[in-house]
Amino acid sequence: MSVNIKTVAKVLPAHSRKTADILPFLDVWLAGQDDRFIRKVRKIFENAGVDKRYSIMSPEEVFSNLSFQERNDIYIREGIKLSADCLSLALEKANWKADQLDYLITVSCTGIMIPSLDAYLINKLELRQDIVRLPVTEMGCAAGISGILYATNFLKAHPGKRAAVIAYESPTATFQLNDFSMANVVSAAIFGDGVACALLSSAPEDLGPEIIAQEMYHFYDAEQMMGFKLSNTGLQMVLDVAVPETIEAQFPEIIHPFLAKQGLSIKDIEHLIFHPGGKKIVQMVEGLFAGLGKNIAETKEVLRLYGNMSSATVLYVLERYLDEIKPSSGEYGLMLSFGPGFSAQRILLKW
């Protein structure tokens, strides 16, 4: 009994700006700061590898003194709308009806909702009253793959069932106006907002790339490297400068043993579906694989077009493979993302 990814859909928020159009807002935000610091921040934005990003708020709102409550209210309002639209689009692409879903997983870490997002989607789309739901709220950028892992395990235990994984993130809603730390600056430079939905199935009639293997990998004693600190003004970014080096040091242990368990090596993997954490991580991963004749072109393109949308981003990369690249039958793909904990999440696909 196999579990396949039927389709992936994405929906973008209403507001968008090219990076060049964000720079004037930086001048207002950084007014009164040291000139060298202002020049450094501008360079970080200009060299982040992000040409454009989308947001649930206008730039005027992002760079304003909105309270935590006001930002979170926008996060909730827009998240319900965008996620409902994205799930509807995914169901349409798969030619499924809403009442055919058996399992609903929602993924988000950039705001607070109780009831969680999945409860609202059940009502808006009139999903079945016995649908099983799981909100995943604190796994950060890794959680897009985490949601697929949880859905896969459910579907393996329940043949013939169908699941939806919806990743909604709004890092711009976590922007801290009075925080001039490098963590907040880098976060603002690389992150954008977005939502994506993956549909999975263990029904034999639902074709798509098969999930061959899936695992998590946990770094010891690295909790301080990435995450959010809950402050009076909202979710304050925690981002250690050593993240790329830490990943690089353990990269062989993350990749090679996982593939070896399936009798494969990296040379057998045609498609690398990686989460673009940021330009430095992308360059590091690209350097590791360049000598093997592999590339992460789609990962770089998603970062350029949309920025890092936390958990949703790797699903944007996967969507490009499903809808544009369209790998040939028998080819393998490796999905990989990193997140707070510190952890790595891996999935092996076969078309």
Protein backbone atom coordinates (compact mmCIF):
# COMPACT_ATOMS: atom_id res chain seq x y z
CA MET A 1 0.00 0.00 0.00
CA SER A 2 1.53 3.29 -1.11
CA VAL A 3 0.98 6.93 -0.19
CA ASN A 4 1.13 9.40 -3.05
CA ILE A 5 1.12 13.17 -3.35
CA LYS A 6 -1.83 13.93 -5.59
CA THR A 7 -1.27 17.66 -6.10
CA VAL A 8 -0.01 20.90 -4.57
CA ALA A 9 -1.63 24.32 -4.83
CA LYS A 10 -0.51 27.77 -3.69
CA VAL A 11 -2.23 31.09 -3.03
CA LEU A 12 -0.47 34.42 -2.61
CA PRO A 13 -1.55 37.33 -0.37
CA ALA A 14 -2.89 40.51 -1.93
CA HIS A 15 0.05 42.81 -1.13
CA SER A 16 3.42 42.54 -2.85
CA ARG A 17 6.52 44.66 -3.37
CA LYS A 18 9.80 44.27 -5.20
CA THR A 19 12.83 44.58 -2.97
CA ALA A 20 13.78 47.87 -4.62
CA ASP A 21 10.40 49.28 -3.58
CA ILE A 22 10.94 48.23 0.05
CA LEU A 23 14.14 50.26 0.44
CA PRO A 24 12.37 53.64 0.97
CA PHE A 25 10.50 52.11 3.89
CA LEU A 26 13.83 51.13 5.42
CA ASP A 27 14.90 54.78 5.43
CA VAL A 28 11.86 55.67 7.52
CA TRP A 29 12.26 52.65 9.81
CA LEU A 30 15.97 53.26 10.39
CA ALA A 31 15.77 57.03 10.81
CA GLY A 32 18.14 58.10 13.59
CA GLN A 33 20.30 55.00 13.37
CA ASP A 34 24.03 55.12 12.57
CA ASP A 35 24.74 55.72 8.86
CA ARG A 36 26.99 52.66 8.63
CA PHE A 37 24.27 50.50 10.13
CA ILE A 38 21.71 51.87 7.66
CA ARG A 39 24.01 51.08 4.73
CA LYS A 40 24.58 47.58 6.11
CA VAL A 41 20.84 46.90 6.41
CA ARG A 42 20.21 48.12 2.86
CA LYS A 43 22.93 45.79 1.57
CA ILE A 44 21.40 42.87 3.45
CA PHE A 45 18.08 43.51 1.70
CA GLU A 46 19.68 44.07 -1.71
CA ASN A 47 21.82 40.92 -1.48
CA ALA A 48 19.28 38.56 0.10
CA GLY A 49 18.47 36.80 -3.17
CA VAL A 50 14.83 37.88 -2.90
CA ASP A 51 13.50 40.01 -5.76
CA LYS A 52 9.92 40.17 -4.50
CA ARG A 53 7.86 39.17 -1.52
CA TYR A 54 4.14 38.99 -0.72
CA SER A 55 2.41 40.01 2.49
CA ILE A 56 -0.97 39.89 4.21
CA MET A 57 -0.31 43.54 5.15
CA SER A 58 0.68 46.59 3.13
CA PRO A 59 4.24 47.85 3.63
CA GLU A 60 2.77 50.83 5.45
CA GLU A 61 1.16 48.44 7.94
CA VAL A 62 4.26 46.24 8.27
CA PHE A 63 6.49 49.23 9.11
CA SER A 64 3.97 50.76 11.49
CA ASN A 65 3.50 50.63 15.24
CA LEU A 66 0.65 48.11 15.14
CA SER A 67 0.22 46.23 18.38
CA PHE A 68 0.73 42.49 18.76
CA GLN A 69 -3.04 42.08 18.98
CA GLU A 70 -3.67 44.09 15.81
CA ARG A 71 -1.06 42.15 13.82
CA ASN A 72 -2.35 38.84 15.11
CA ASP A 73 -5.94 39.79 14.22
CA ILE A 74 -4.82 40.39 10.63
CA TYR A 75 -2.92 37.08 10.69
CA ILE A 76 -6.12 35.27 11.74
CA ARG A 77 -8.44 37.05 9.32
CA GLU A 78 -6.21 36.64 6.28
CA GLY A 79 -5.13 33.12 7.21
CA ILE A 80 -8.67 31.81 7.25
CA LYS A 81 -9.46 33.39 3.88
CA LEU A 82 -6.23 32.46 2.11
CA SER A 83 -6.15 28.91 3.47
CA ALA A 84 -9.76 28.29 2.49
CA ASP A 85 -9.02 29.54 -1.03
CA CYS A 86 -5.89 27.37 -1.22
CA LEU A 87 -7.63 24.20 -0.05
CA SER A 88 -10.47 24.84 -2.51
CA LEU A 89 -7.97 25.30 -5.34
CA ALA A 90 -6.12 22.09 -4.42
CA LEU A 91 -9.38 20.11 -4.33
CA GLU A 92 -10.28 21.53 -7.74
CA LYS A 93 -6.88 20.55 -9.18
CA ALA A 94 -7.29 17.01 -7.83
CA ASN A 95 -10.94 16.78 -8.87
CA TRP A 96 -11.84 15.86 -5.29
CA LYS A 97 -14.86 16.97 -3.33
CA ALA A 98 -14.51 18.53 0.10
CA ASP A 99 -16.36 15.69 1.80
CA GLN A 100 -13.80 13.19 0.47
CA LEU A 101 -11.11 14.39 2.87
CA ASP A 102 -10.43 12.17 5.88
CA TYR A 103 -7.54 14.00 7.55
CA LEU A 104 -6.76 17.71 7.80
CA ILE A 105 -3.40 19.07 8.96
CA THR A 106 -2.76 22.79 9.28
CA VAL A 107 0.75 24.15 9.76
CA SER A 108 1.67 27.63 11.01
CA CYS A 109 4.06 29.24 13.50
CA THR A 110 3.75 32.99 12.79
CA GLY A 111 0.64 33.77 14.82
CA ILE A 112 -1.69 32.42 17.49
CA MET A 113 -5.14 30.95 16.88
CA ILE A 114 -7.40 29.04 19.25
CA PRO A 115 -9.49 27.41 17.80
CA SER A 116 -6.79 26.54 15.30
CA LEU A 117 -7.01 27.20 11.57
CA ASP A 118 -8.33 23.74 10.72
CA ALA A 119 -11.52 24.32 12.74
CA TYR A 120 -12.39 27.34 10.60
CA LEU A 121 -11.70 25.43 7.38
CA ILE A 122 -14.06 22.65 8.39
CA ASN A 123 -16.87 25.19 8.62
CA LYS A 124 -15.99 27.32 5.59
CA LEU A 125 -15.67 24.35 3.22
CA GLU A 126 -18.24 22.16 4.98
CA LEU A 127 -15.79 19.31 5.47
CA ARG A 128 -17.07 16.14 7.08
CA GLN A 129 -17.96 16.32 10.75
CA ASP A 130 -15.87 13.19 11.47
CA ILE A 131 -12.72 14.47 9.75
CA VAL A 132 -9.56 13.98 11.83
CA ARG A 133 -7.65 17.25 12.33
CA LEU A 134 -4.17 18.10 13.56
CA PRO A 135 -2.74 21.61 14.01
CA VAL A 136 1.07 21.82 13.87
CA THR A 137 2.09 25.12 15.41
CA GLU A 138 5.66 25.23 16.68
CA MET A 139 7.97 23.53 14.18
CA GLY A 140 8.83 26.58 12.08
CA CYS A 141 10.27 26.25 8.59
CA ALA A 142 10.49 22.46 8.84
CA ALA A 143 6.78 21.98 9.39
CA GLY A 144 5.70 21.80 5.74
CA ILE A 145 7.51 18.48 5.52
CA SER A 146 6.48 17.57 9.09
CA GLY A 147 2.83 17.84 8.05
CA ILE A 148 3.44 15.51 5.12
CA LEU A 149 5.16 13.04 7.47
CA TYR A 150 2.16 13.01 9.81
CA ALA A 151 -0.27 12.67 6.90
CA THR A 152 1.76 9.80 5.46
CA ASN A 153 1.70 7.86 8.72
CA PHE A 154 -2.08 8.35 9.00
CA LEU A 155 -2.66 7.20 5.43
CA LYS A 156 -0.45 4.13 5.83
CA ALA A 157 -2.62 3.12 8.77
CA HIS A 158 -5.83 3.87 6.86
CA PRO A 159 -5.74 2.52 3.28
CA GLY A 160 -7.97 4.27 0.77
CA LYS A 161 -8.09 7.56 2.69
CA ARG A 162 -7.20 11.13 1.69
CA ALA A 163 -5.44 13.95 3.53
CA ALA A 164 -4.75 17.66 3.13
CA VAL A 165 -1.73 19.50 4.53
CA ILE A 166 -2.10 23.29 4.56
CA ALA A 167 0.88 25.50 5.43
CA TYR A 168 0.05 29.15 6.11
CA GLU A 169 2.70 31.59 7.26
CA SER A 170 2.97 35.35 7.70
CA PRO A 171 6.48 36.24 8.88
CA THR A 172 5.72 39.90 8.08
CA ALA A 173 3.14 39.82 10.89
CA THR A 174 5.99 39.09 13.32
CA PHE A 175 8.11 42.12 12.28
CA GLN A 176 9.34 44.08 15.31
CA LEU A 177 9.40 47.83 14.64
CA ASN A 178 11.71 48.71 17.54
CA ASP A 179 14.07 45.76 17.23
CA PHE A 180 17.25 46.62 15.30
CA SER A 181 19.00 43.32 15.95
CA MET A 182 20.53 41.38 13.06
CA ALA A 183 18.00 38.59 13.62
CA ASN A 184 15.10 40.99 12.97
CA VAL A 185 16.87 42.65 10.05
CA VAL A 186 17.76 39.37 8.33
CA SER A 187 14.27 38.02 8.98
CA ALA A 188 12.70 41.08 7.35
CA ALA A 189 15.08 40.79 4.39
CA ILE A 190 14.49 37.13 3.53
CA PHE A 191 10.94 36.31 4.64
CA GLY A 192 7.60 36.72 2.87
CA ASP A 193 4.05 35.45 3.37
CA GLY A 194 2.28 32.61 1.58
CA VAL A 195 0.04 29.58 1.82
CA ALA A 196 0.26 26.17 0.15
CA CYS A 197 -1.76 22.96 0.26
CA ALA A 198 -0.61 19.42 -0.51
CA LEU A 199 -3.14 16.63 -1.03
CA LEU A 200 -2.06 13.07 -0.25
CA SER A 201 -3.79 9.75 -0.72
CA SER A 202 -3.51 6.03 -0.02
CA ALA A 203 -6.30 5.27 -2.52
CA PRO A 204 -4.99 3.26 -5.50
CA GLU A 205 -6.75 5.48 -8.04
CA ASP A 206 -4.92 8.63 -6.86
CA LEU A 207 -1.68 8.81 -8.78
CA GLY A 208 1.33 11.00 -8.05
CA PRO A 209 4.88 10.74 -6.70
CA GLU A 210 5.06 8.03 -4.05
CA ILE A 211 6.49 8.71 -0.60
CA ILE A 212 9.13 5.99 -0.32
CA ALA A 213 10.69 7.03 2.99
CA GLN A 214 10.47 9.83 5.55
CA GLU A 215 12.49 10.71 8.64
CA MET A 216 13.31 13.49 11.06
CA TYR A 217 16.83 14.30 12.22
CA HIS A 218 17.41 16.18 15.47
CA PHE A 219 20.52 18.19 16.30
CA TYR A 220 21.59 17.90 19.93
CA ASP A 221 21.87 21.01 22.12
CA ALA A 222 20.80 23.46 19.41
CA GLU A 223 17.50 24.77 20.75
CA GLN A 224 18.87 28.32 20.89
CA MET A 225 19.67 28.52 17.16
CA MET A 226 16.27 29.34 15.71
CA GLY A 227 12.75 30.16 16.82
CA PHE A 228 10.61 32.89 18.32
CA LYS A 229 10.72 34.60 21.69
CA LEU A 230 7.27 35.66 22.86
CA SER A 231 7.58 39.32 23.91
CA ASN A 232 5.08 42.03 24.82
CA THR A 233 5.27 43.26 21.21
CA GLY A 234 4.79 39.86 19.58
CA LEU A 235 6.90 37.03 18.24
CA GLN A 236 10.53 38.14 18.23
CA MET A 237 12.82 36.29 15.82
CA VAL A 238 15.68 34.18 17.16
CA LEU A 239 18.21 33.38 14.43
CA ASP A 240 21.80 32.36 15.18
CA VAL A 241 24.45 33.35 12.63
CA ALA A 242 25.94 29.85 12.99
CA VAL A 243 22.93 28.10 11.40
CA PRO A 244 24.54 27.58 7.93
CA GLU A 245 27.78 26.26 9.43
CA THR A 246 25.88 23.96 11.79
CA ILE A 247 23.90 22.50 8.91
CA GLU A 248 27.02 22.09 6.79
CA ALA A 249 28.85 20.22 9.56
CA GLN A 250 26.11 17.59 9.84
CA PHE A 251 24.92 17.57 6.24
CA PRO A 252 26.52 14.22 5.34
CA GLU A 253 24.82 12.56 8.32
CA ILE A 254 21.49 14.09 7.32
CA ILE A 255 21.60 12.94 3.69
CA HIS A 256 23.68 9.82 3.12
CA PRO A 257 22.45 7.38 5.83
CA PHE A 258 18.84 8.27 5.00
CA LEU A 259 19.33 7.35 1.35
CA ALA A 260 21.47 4.31 2.15
CA LYS A 261 18.57 2.74 4.07
CA GLN A 262 16.73 2.64 0.72
CA GLY A 263 19.73 1.25 -1.14
CA LEU A 264 20.37 4.62 -2.79
CA SER A 265 23.05 7.29 -2.89
CA ILE A 266 22.89 10.94 -3.85
CA LYS A 267 23.82 10.06 -7.45
CA ASP A 268 20.47 8.27 -7.73
CA ILE A 269 18.51 11.44 -6.86
CA GLU A 270 17.47 13.45 -9.90
CA HIS A 271 15.51 16.18 -8.11
CA LEU A 272 16.45 18.15 -5.00
CA ILE A 273 13.37 19.77 -3.45
CA PHE A 274 14.90 21.87 -0.70
CA HIS A 275 13.55 24.57 1.55
CA PRO A 276 15.40 27.84 0.80
CA GLY A 277 16.16 29.03 4.31
CA GLY A 278 18.12 32.00 3.01
CA LYS A 279 20.85 32.94 0.56
CA LYS A 280 23.72 31.64 2.73
CA ILE A 281 22.08 28.26 3.27
CA VAL A 282 21.21 28.01 -0.43
CA GLN A 283 24.80 28.78 -1.41
CA MET A 284 26.12 26.27 1.10
CA VAL A 285 23.84 23.47 -0.15
CA GLU A 286 24.54 24.38 -3.76
CA GLY A 287 28.26 24.17 -3.12
CA LEU A 288 27.96 20.73 -1.54
CA PHE A 289 26.08 19.32 -4.52
CA ALA A 290 27.69 21.18 -7.43
CA GLY A 291 30.52 18.67 -7.62
CA LEU A 292 27.99 15.86 -7.95
CA GLY A 293 26.31 17.44 -10.95
CA LYS A 294 23.20 18.34 -8.94
CA ASN A 295 21.46 21.69 -8.74
CA ILE A 296 18.80 23.36 -6.62
CA ALA A 297 17.62 25.76 -9.31
CA GLU A 298 13.95 25.52 -8.33
CA THR A 299 14.75 26.22 -4.69
CA LYS A 300 16.70 29.35 -5.68
CA GLU A 301 13.90 30.49 -7.96
CA VAL A 302 11.26 30.17 -5.24
CA LEU A 303 13.46 32.22 -2.89
CA ARG A 304 13.87 34.86 -5.60
CA LEU A 305 10.19 35.08 -6.49
CA TYR A 306 8.62 34.87 -3.03
CA GLY A 307 11.23 34.90 -0.26
CA ASN A 308 11.32 32.41 2.59
CA MET A 309 7.70 31.70 3.59
CA SER A 310 8.68 29.44 6.46
CA SER A 311 6.82 26.09 6.38
CA ALA A 312 4.99 26.82 3.11
CA THR A 313 8.14 27.40 1.05
CA VAL A 314 9.17 23.81 0.37
CA LEU A 315 5.64 23.13 -0.90
CA TYR A 316 6.09 25.97 -3.40
CA VAL A 317 9.23 24.19 -4.62
CA LEU A 318 7.35 20.88 -4.81
CA GLU A 319 4.52 22.53 -6.77
CA ARG A 320 7.01 23.65 -9.44
CA TYR A 321 8.17 20.04 -9.84
CA LEU A 322 4.63 18.69 -10.10
CA ASP A 323 3.26 21.35 -12.45
CA GLU A 324 6.29 22.50 -14.47
CA ILE A 325 9.24 20.10 -14.26
CA LYS A 326 7.07 16.96 -14.36
CA PRO A 327 9.76 14.34 -13.61
CA SER A 328 9.74 11.10 -15.55
CA SER A 329 8.46 7.82 -14.15
CA GLY A 330 11.04 6.08 -11.99
CA GLU A 331 12.94 9.25 -11.04
CA TYR A 332 13.67 10.07 -7.40
CA GLY A 333 13.27 13.34 -5.53
CA LEU A 334 14.60 14.33 -2.11
CA MET A 335 12.68 16.84 0.00
CA LEU A 336 14.53 18.57 2.83
CA SER A 337 13.77 21.37 5.27
CA PHE A 338 15.24 22.70 8.51
CA GLY A 339 13.55 24.23 11.54
CA PRO A 340 13.67 25.07 15.24
CA GLY A 341 14.78 22.39 17.60
CA PHE A 342 17.16 22.29 15.68
CA SER A 343 15.91 19.66 13.22
CA ALA A 344 15.93 18.46 9.64
CA GLN A 345 12.96 16.77 7.95
CA ARG A 346 13.45 14.47 4.96
CA ILE A 347 11.20 12.76 2.42
CA LEU A 348 12.20 10.46 -0.45
CA LEU A 349 9.85 10.60 -3.45
CA LYS A 350 9.60 8.36 -6.48
CA TRP A 351 7.68 9.32 -9.59
